[in-house]
Protein backbone atom coordinates (compact mmCIF):
# COMPACT_ATOMS: atom_id res chain seq x y z
CA MET A 1 176.45 -9.62 158.23
CA MET A 2 175.29 -11.84 155.42
CA VAL A 3 173.02 -13.57 158.24
CA TRP A 4 171.60 -10.05 158.66
CA VAL A 5 170.77 -9.63 154.49
CA LEU A 6 169.24 -13.46 154.99
CA ALA A 7 166.93 -12.36 157.72
CA GLY A 8 165.77 -9.38 156.05
CA LEU A 9 165.00 -11.49 152.54
CA GLN A 10 163.85 -14.25 154.96
CA LEU A 11 160.88 -11.53 156.54
CA LEU A 12 160.33 -10.28 153.46
CA HIS A 13 159.45 -13.24 152.29
CA VAL A 14 156.80 -14.26 155.38
CA LEU A 15 155.11 -11.12 155.16
CA GLY A 16 155.25 -10.63 151.58
CA GLY A 17 153.39 -14.01 152.09
CA ILE A 18 150.84 -13.22 155.10
CA PHE A 19 150.11 -10.62 152.54
CA TRP A 20 149.20 -12.37 149.58
CA PHE A 21 147.25 -14.74 151.28
CA GLY A 22 145.62 -12.81 153.72
CA SER A 23 143.88 -10.44 151.25
CA LEU A 24 142.94 -13.59 149.16
CA MET A 25 141.05 -14.53 152.54
CA MET A 26 139.71 -11.01 152.87
CA ASN A 27 138.85 -11.49 149.12
CA LEU A 28 137.06 -14.25 150.05
CA PHE A 29 135.58 -14.30 153.32
CA VAL A 30 134.85 -11.23 153.52
CA VAL A 31 134.73 -8.31 150.54
CA LEU A 32 132.81 -10.87 147.95
CA PRO A 33 129.91 -12.27 150.15
CA ALA A 34 129.53 -8.41 151.39
CA LEU A 35 129.58 -6.82 147.68
CA ARG A 36 127.00 -9.77 146.88
CA SER A 37 124.70 -8.24 149.41
CA LEU A 38 124.97 -4.60 147.78
CA PRO A 39 122.77 -2.88 145.11
CA ALA A 40 124.23 -4.09 141.15
CA ASP A 41 125.74 -0.96 140.52
CA ALA A 42 127.28 -0.35 143.68
CA GLN A 43 128.99 -3.53 143.55
CA MET A 44 130.29 -2.54 139.92
CA THR A 45 131.33 1.40 141.07
CA TRP A 46 132.76 -0.36 144.37
CA GLN A 47 134.89 -2.98 142.11
CA ARG A 48 135.66 -0.35 139.48
CA ALA A 49 137.90 1.19 141.90
CA ALA A 50 139.35 -1.12 143.79
CA SER A 51 140.64 -3.60 141.35
CA ARG A 52 142.43 -1.42 139.69
CA ARG A 53 144.94 -0.05 142.77
CA TYR A 54 144.86 -4.85 144.03
CA GLY A 55 146.70 -5.46 140.44
CA ARG A 56 149.35 -2.79 140.97
CA ILE A 57 149.90 -3.83 144.42
CA ILE A 58 149.30 -7.61 144.72
CA THR A 59 151.18 -8.32 141.06
CA PRO A 60 154.59 -7.48 142.23
CA VAL A 61 153.94 -8.95 145.95
CA ALA A 62 153.08 -12.83 144.82
CA ALA A 63 156.51 -12.34 142.63
CA LEU A 64 159.09 -10.48 144.87
CA THR A 65 157.55 -13.50 147.32
CA ILE A 66 157.66 -16.52 145.12
CA LEU A 67 161.33 -14.95 143.41
CA LEU A 68 162.59 -14.35 147.46
CA GLY A 69 161.28 -18.39 148.38
CA ILE A 70 163.66 -19.17 145.10
CA GLY A 71 166.69 -17.35 146.49
CA LEU A 72 166.35 -18.10 149.70
CA GLY A 73 166.17 -21.52 148.78
CA ILE A 74 169.41 -21.69 146.90
CA ALA A 75 171.15 -19.75 149.45
CA GLY A 76 170.86 -21.81 151.80
CA GLY A 77 172.24 -24.74 149.34
CA VAL A 78 168.83 -26.83 148.84
CA LEU A 79 170.82 -26.91 145.25
CA GLY A 80 172.98 -29.21 146.81
CA VAL A 81 170.12 -31.56 148.16
CA LEU A 82 167.15 -31.33 146.29
CA GLY A 83 167.25 -35.63 146.09
CA THR A 84 166.60 -35.05 149.95
CA PRO A 85 162.72 -34.48 151.54
CA TYR A 86 163.62 -31.24 152.45
CA GLY A 87 165.16 -30.69 148.20
CA VAL A 88 161.97 -32.85 146.88
CA THR A 89 158.97 -29.92 149.26
CA TRP A 90 161.08 -26.51 148.51
CA LEU A 91 160.30 -28.00 144.69
CA VAL A 92 156.47 -28.49 145.12
CA ALA A 93 156.88 -25.03 146.86
CA ILE A 94 157.85 -23.40 144.52
CA VAL A 95 156.21 -25.41 140.81
CA LEU A 96 152.86 -24.71 143.77
CA GLY A 97 154.06 -20.87 143.99
CA GLY A 98 154.40 -20.48 140.69
CA ALA A 99 150.85 -22.33 139.69
CA LEU A 100 149.06 -19.58 142.00
CA GLY A 101 151.05 -16.47 140.80
CA ALA A 102 150.43 -18.05 137.03
CA SER A 103 146.48 -18.32 138.12
CA GLY A 104 147.11 -14.68 139.41
CA SER A 105 147.96 -12.90 136.67
CA ARG A 106 145.58 -15.16 134.03
CA LEU A 107 142.67 -16.27 135.45
CA THR A 108 142.48 -13.81 138.63
CA GLY A 109 143.95 -10.76 136.97
CA PRO A 110 141.99 -10.35 133.34
CA THR A 111 138.73 -11.30 135.59
CA SER A 112 138.49 -8.90 138.12
CA GLY A 113 139.30 -6.78 134.97
CA LEU A 114 136.78 -7.22 133.66
CA ALA A 115 134.43 -7.15 136.32
CA ALA A 116 135.33 -3.47 136.81
CA ASP A 117 134.75 -2.87 133.09
CA GLU A 118 131.62 -4.46 132.67
CA GLN A 119 128.31 -2.30 132.36
CA ASP A 120 125.76 -5.09 132.58
CA PRO A 121 125.07 -6.34 135.88
CA GLU A 122 123.99 -9.88 134.97
CA ARG A 123 127.32 -10.15 133.14
CA PHE A 124 128.84 -8.59 135.68
CA SER A 125 127.74 -10.96 138.03
CA GLY A 126 128.59 -14.36 136.85
CA LEU A 127 132.16 -12.51 136.24
CA LEU A 128 131.99 -11.74 140.14
CA THR A 129 131.51 -15.56 140.37
CA LYS A 130 133.53 -16.55 138.52
CA LEU A 131 136.35 -14.83 140.71
CA HIS A 132 134.92 -16.43 143.59
CA ARG A 133 135.57 -20.33 142.09
CA TYR A 134 138.70 -19.50 141.73
CA GLY A 135 139.61 -17.33 145.22
CA ARG A 136 138.67 -21.05 146.34
CA MET A 137 140.64 -22.75 143.92
CA GLU A 138 144.12 -20.16 145.27
CA PHE A 139 143.03 -21.07 148.39
CA GLY A 140 143.54 -24.71 148.87
CA GLY A 141 146.87 -23.40 147.13
CA MET A 142 148.22 -21.30 150.00
CA MET A 143 146.64 -23.67 151.84
CA GLY A 144 148.72 -26.25 150.51
CA LEU A 145 151.56 -23.05 150.66
CA VAL A 146 151.57 -23.40 154.15
CA VAL A 147 151.78 -26.44 155.28
CA LEU A 148 155.00 -26.93 152.62
CA MET A 149 156.63 -23.84 154.45
CA VAL A 150 155.93 -25.12 157.49
CA ALA A 151 157.06 -28.97 156.47
CA MET A 152 160.45 -27.18 155.24
CA ARG A 153 161.23 -25.31 159.07
CA PHE A 154 160.64 -28.79 159.81
CA GLY A 155 163.60 -29.93 157.54
CA TYR A 156 160.86 -32.17 155.60
């Protein structure tokens, strides 16, 4: 029975990571460039409509993904092997995942909210530039997490 519970939690962890990373890539490589091709009033309207809904979805998904990673590691016995390559990799993944979560809640989310409320097209454009920069930074962090997840799968 316990193996099925852990398998279900692992599945939720993986799906959460896919959603989090996938939505980041979609925003970074498709939505933001497409948004820039629209007139300023259309950009601002779209941002208002999408930003609040996205924040309500991605925040709990990211938090749950991080918490499941911590919980699955503990359930798998990582606390007894923290000095091994696997234990160190798990700790680095927890720190990096937490940093990405903090970046989203302290930088990306608030900037997206400011952009949604902005009425001046010039300031709005500057906020979109910030969002793109934050997205690139988070993309690098997510790529690091993917490398760490693969390494842990192979015992490192």
